[in-house]
C-alpha atoms as a PDB file:
ATOM      1  CA  MET A   1     110.447  68.464 106.890  1.00  0.00           C
ATOM      2  CA  PRO A   2     109.078  72.033 106.874  1.00  0.00           C
ATOM      3  CA  TYR A   3     107.961  73.558 110.148  1.00  0.00           C
ATOM      4  CA  LYS A   4     104.172  73.501 110.570  1.00  0.00           C
ATOM      5  CA  CYS A   5     102.953  76.635 112.320  1.00  0.00           C
ATOM      6  CA  PRO A   6     100.298  76.284 115.028  1.00  0.00           C
ATOM      7  CA  LEU A   7      99.168  79.908 114.536  1.00  0.00           C
ATOM      8  CA  ILE A   8      98.225  79.527 110.876  1.00  0.00           C
ATOM      9  CA  ASN A   9      96.348  76.230 111.176  1.00  0.00           C
ATOM     10  CA  GLY A  10      99.317  73.913 110.697  1.00  0.00           C
ATOM     11  CA  ARG A  11     100.351  75.271 107.298  1.00  0.00           C
ATOM     12  CA  LYS A  12     104.012  75.532 106.315  1.00  0.00           C
ATOM     13  CA  CYS A  13     105.808  78.445 107.960  1.00  0.00           C
ATOM     14  CA  PRO A  14     105.984  81.410 105.516  1.00  0.00           C
ATOM     15  CA  GLU A  15     109.363  82.436 107.043  1.00  0.00           C
ATOM     16  CA  SER A  16     108.633  86.155 106.719  1.00  0.00           C
ATOM     17  CA  ASN A  17     106.030  88.810 107.335  1.00  0.00           C
ATOM     18  CA  SER A  18     105.298  89.263 103.646  1.00  0.00           C
ATOM     19  CA  LYS A  19     104.968  85.796 102.024  1.00  0.00           C
ATOM     20  CA  ASP A  20     101.583  84.013 101.965  1.00  0.00           C
ATOM     21  CA  GLY A  21      99.906  86.510 104.268  1.00  0.00           C
ATOM     22  CA  GLY A  22     102.847  86.592 106.642  1.00  0.00           C
ATOM     23  CA  CYS A  23     103.449  85.108 110.029  1.00  0.00           C
ATOM     24  CA  PRO A  24     101.921  86.753 113.115  1.00  0.00           C
ATOM     25  CA  ALA A  25     104.838  85.543 115.253  1.00  0.00           C
ATOM     26  CA  TRP A  26     107.678  86.472 112.878  1.00  0.00           C
ATOM     27  CA  ALA A  27     110.356  88.830 114.189  1.00  0.00           C
ATOM     28  CA  ASP A  28     112.839  90.671 111.981  1.00  0.00           C
ATOM     29  CA  GLY A  29     116.157  92.079 113.175  1.00  0.00           C
ATOM     30  CA  ILE A  30     116.369  90.460 116.605  1.00  0.00           C
ATOM     31  CA  LEU A  31     119.778  90.705 118.287  1.00  0.00           C
ATOM     32  CA  GLU A  32     120.911  87.451 119.906  1.00  0.00           C
ATOM     33  CA  ASN A  33     124.143  85.832 121.040  1.00  0.00           C
ATOM     34  CA  ASN A  34     125.607  83.013 118.979  1.00  0.00           C
ATOM     35  CA  ALA A  35     126.019  80.106 121.422  1.00  0.00           C
ATOM     36  CA  LEU A  36     129.060  78.703 119.608  1.00  0.00           C
ATOM     37  CA  THR A  37     131.125  81.839 119.019  1.00  0.00           C
ATOM     38  CA  SER A  38     129.666  84.160 121.719  1.00  0.00           C
ATOM     39  CA  GLU A  39     129.259  86.851 119.080  1.00  0.00           C
ATOM     40  CA  GLN A  40     126.122  88.910 118.719  1.00  0.00           C
ATOM     41  CA  ARG A  41     124.210  88.542 115.491  1.00  0.00           C
ATOM     42  CA  VAL A  42     121.021  89.896 113.983  1.00  0.00           C
ATOM     43  CA  THR A  43     118.516  87.195 113.160  1.00  0.00           C
ATOM     44  CA  SER A  44     114.999  86.922 111.796  1.00  0.00           C
ATOM     45  CA  ASP A  45     112.929  83.958 112.887  1.00  0.00           C
ATOM     46  CA  CYS A  46     109.644  82.772 114.337  1.00  0.00           C
ATOM     47  CA  MET A  47     109.061  83.519 118.020  1.00  0.00           C
ATOM     48  CA  PHE A  48     108.269  79.841 118.609  1.00  0.00           C
ATOM     49  CA  ARG A  49     111.767  78.909 117.443  1.00  0.00           C
ATOM     50  CA  LEU A  50     113.474  81.886 119.128  1.00  0.00           C
ATOM     51  CA  LEU A  51     111.889  81.406 122.559  1.00  0.00           C
ATOM     52  CA  PRO A  52     113.774  78.205 123.547  1.00  0.00           C
ATOM     53  CA  ARG A  53     117.098  79.801 122.559  1.00  0.00           C
ATOM     54  CA  TRP A  54     116.284  82.943 124.565  1.00  0.00           C
ATOM     55  CA  LEU A  55     115.334  80.883 127.612  1.00  0.00           C
ATOM     56  CA  LEU A  56     118.570  78.889 127.470  1.00  0.00           C
ATOM     57  CA  GLN A  57     120.588  82.067 126.997  1.00  0.00           C
ATOM     58  CA  GLY A  58     118.836  83.678 129.959  1.00  0.00           C
ATOM     59  CA  TYR A  59     119.506  80.701 132.205  1.00  0.00           C
ATOM     60  CA  SER A  60     123.191  80.654 131.263  1.00  0.00           C
ATOM     61  CA  ASN A  61     123.502  84.345 132.175  1.00  0.00           C
ATOM     62  CA  THR A  62     122.211  83.756 135.721  1.00  0.00           C
ATOM     63  CA  ASP A  63     125.253  81.759 136.862  1.00  0.00           C
ATOM     64  CA  GLY A  64     127.315  84.895 137.501  1.00  0.00           C
ATOM     65  CA  VAL A  65     124.436  86.535 139.369  1.00  0.00           C
ATOM     66  CA  ARG A  66     123.996  83.465 141.561  1.00  0.00           C
ATOM     67  CA  ALA A  67     127.712  83.393 142.369  1.00  0.00           C
ATOM     68  CA  GLU A  68     127.690  87.082 143.320  1.00  0.00           C
ATOM     69  CA  MET A  69     124.607  86.631 145.515  1.00  0.00           C
ATOM     70  CA  SER A  70     126.211  83.649 147.238  1.00  0.00           C
ATOM     71  CA  ALA A  71     129.413  85.614 147.870  1.00  0.00           C
ATOM     72  CA  MET A  72     127.409  88.541 149.262  1.00  0.00           C
ATOM     73  CA  ARG A  73     125.399  86.226 151.523  1.00  0.00           C
ATOM     74  CA  GLY A  74     128.650  84.715 152.815  1.00  0.00           C
ATOM     75  CA  ALA A  75     130.159  88.136 153.493  1.00  0.00           C
ATOM     76  CA  VAL A  76     127.066  89.337 155.367  1.00  0.00           C
ATOM     77  CA  ALA A  77     126.934  86.123 157.427  1.00  0.00           C
ATOM     78  CA  ALA A  78     130.627  86.491 158.316  1.00  0.00           C
ATOM     79  CA  ALA A  79     130.127  90.123 159.350  1.00  0.00           C
ATOM     80  CA  VAL A  80     127.137  89.263 161.538  1.00  0.00           C
ATOM     81  CA  SER A  81     129.020  86.347 163.131  1.00  0.00           C
ATOM     82  CA  THR A  82     132.038  88.542 163.881  1.00  0.00           C
ATOM     83  CA  THR A  83     129.912  91.336 165.339  1.00  0.00           C
ATOM     84  CA  VAL A  84     127.930  88.962 167.550  1.00  0.00           C
ATOM     85  CA  ALA A  85     131.122  87.158 168.679  1.00  0.00           C
ATOM     86  CA  HIS A  86     132.740  90.490 169.657  1.00  0.00           C
ATOM     87  CA  ALA A  87     129.619  91.523 171.562  1.00  0.00           C
ATOM     88  CA  ILE A  88     129.586  88.230 173.486  1.00  0.00           C
ATOM     89  CA  GLU A  89     133.329  88.428 174.259  1.00  0.00           C
ATOM     90  CA  ASN A  90     133.048  91.984 175.565  1.00  0.00           C
ATOM     91  CA  GLY A  91     129.862  91.302 177.515  1.00  0.00           C
ATOM     92  CA  SER A  92     128.035  94.035 175.652  1.00  0.00           C
ATOM     93  CA  ASP A  93     124.577  93.904 174.146  1.00  0.00           C
ATOM     94  CA  ILE A  94     124.084  92.216 170.806  1.00  0.00           C
ATOM     95  CA  PRO A  95     122.894  94.823 168.303  1.00  0.00           C
ATOM     96  CA  VAL A  96     119.410  93.347 167.758  1.00  0.00           C
ATOM     97  CA  ASN A  97     118.423  95.870 165.080  1.00  0.00           C
ATOM     98  CA  MET A  98     121.271  94.486 162.947  1.00  0.00           C
ATOM     99  CA  LEU A  99     119.676  91.038 163.037  1.00  0.00           C
ATOM    100  CA  SER A 100     116.169  92.178 162.055  1.00  0.00           C
ATOM    101  CA  SER A 101     114.741  91.570 158.619  1.00  0.00           C
ATOM    102  CA  GLY A 102     114.565  95.256 157.806  1.00  0.00           C
ATOM    103  CA  GLU A 103     110.773  95.304 157.827  1.00  0.00           C
ATOM    104  CA  GLU A 104     109.086  97.867 160.010  1.00  0.00           C
ATOM    105  CA  ASP A 105     106.619  96.697 162.641  1.00  0.00           C
END
């Protein structure tokens, strides 16, 4: 069944910018990653069909960022815990400016 385009009143997708008046949402020469082979390829397609693939690709790329942020949060928490523990052991003041949010009053 041919794809019916919502932008051109439900007519069959022209699948280019030149046929039947063209498609206002058609993109030529877009670089995307092939989900199966992880290779980059140049594709031409309608933005309505490309958008779900781009969203899925974007979500899959965030896993590494999340892991790095979690590791950084853990390292900062460990450093703060160690610093506060040393201050308590030695009876010295806890460095309060280290615990602030970084925003100026």
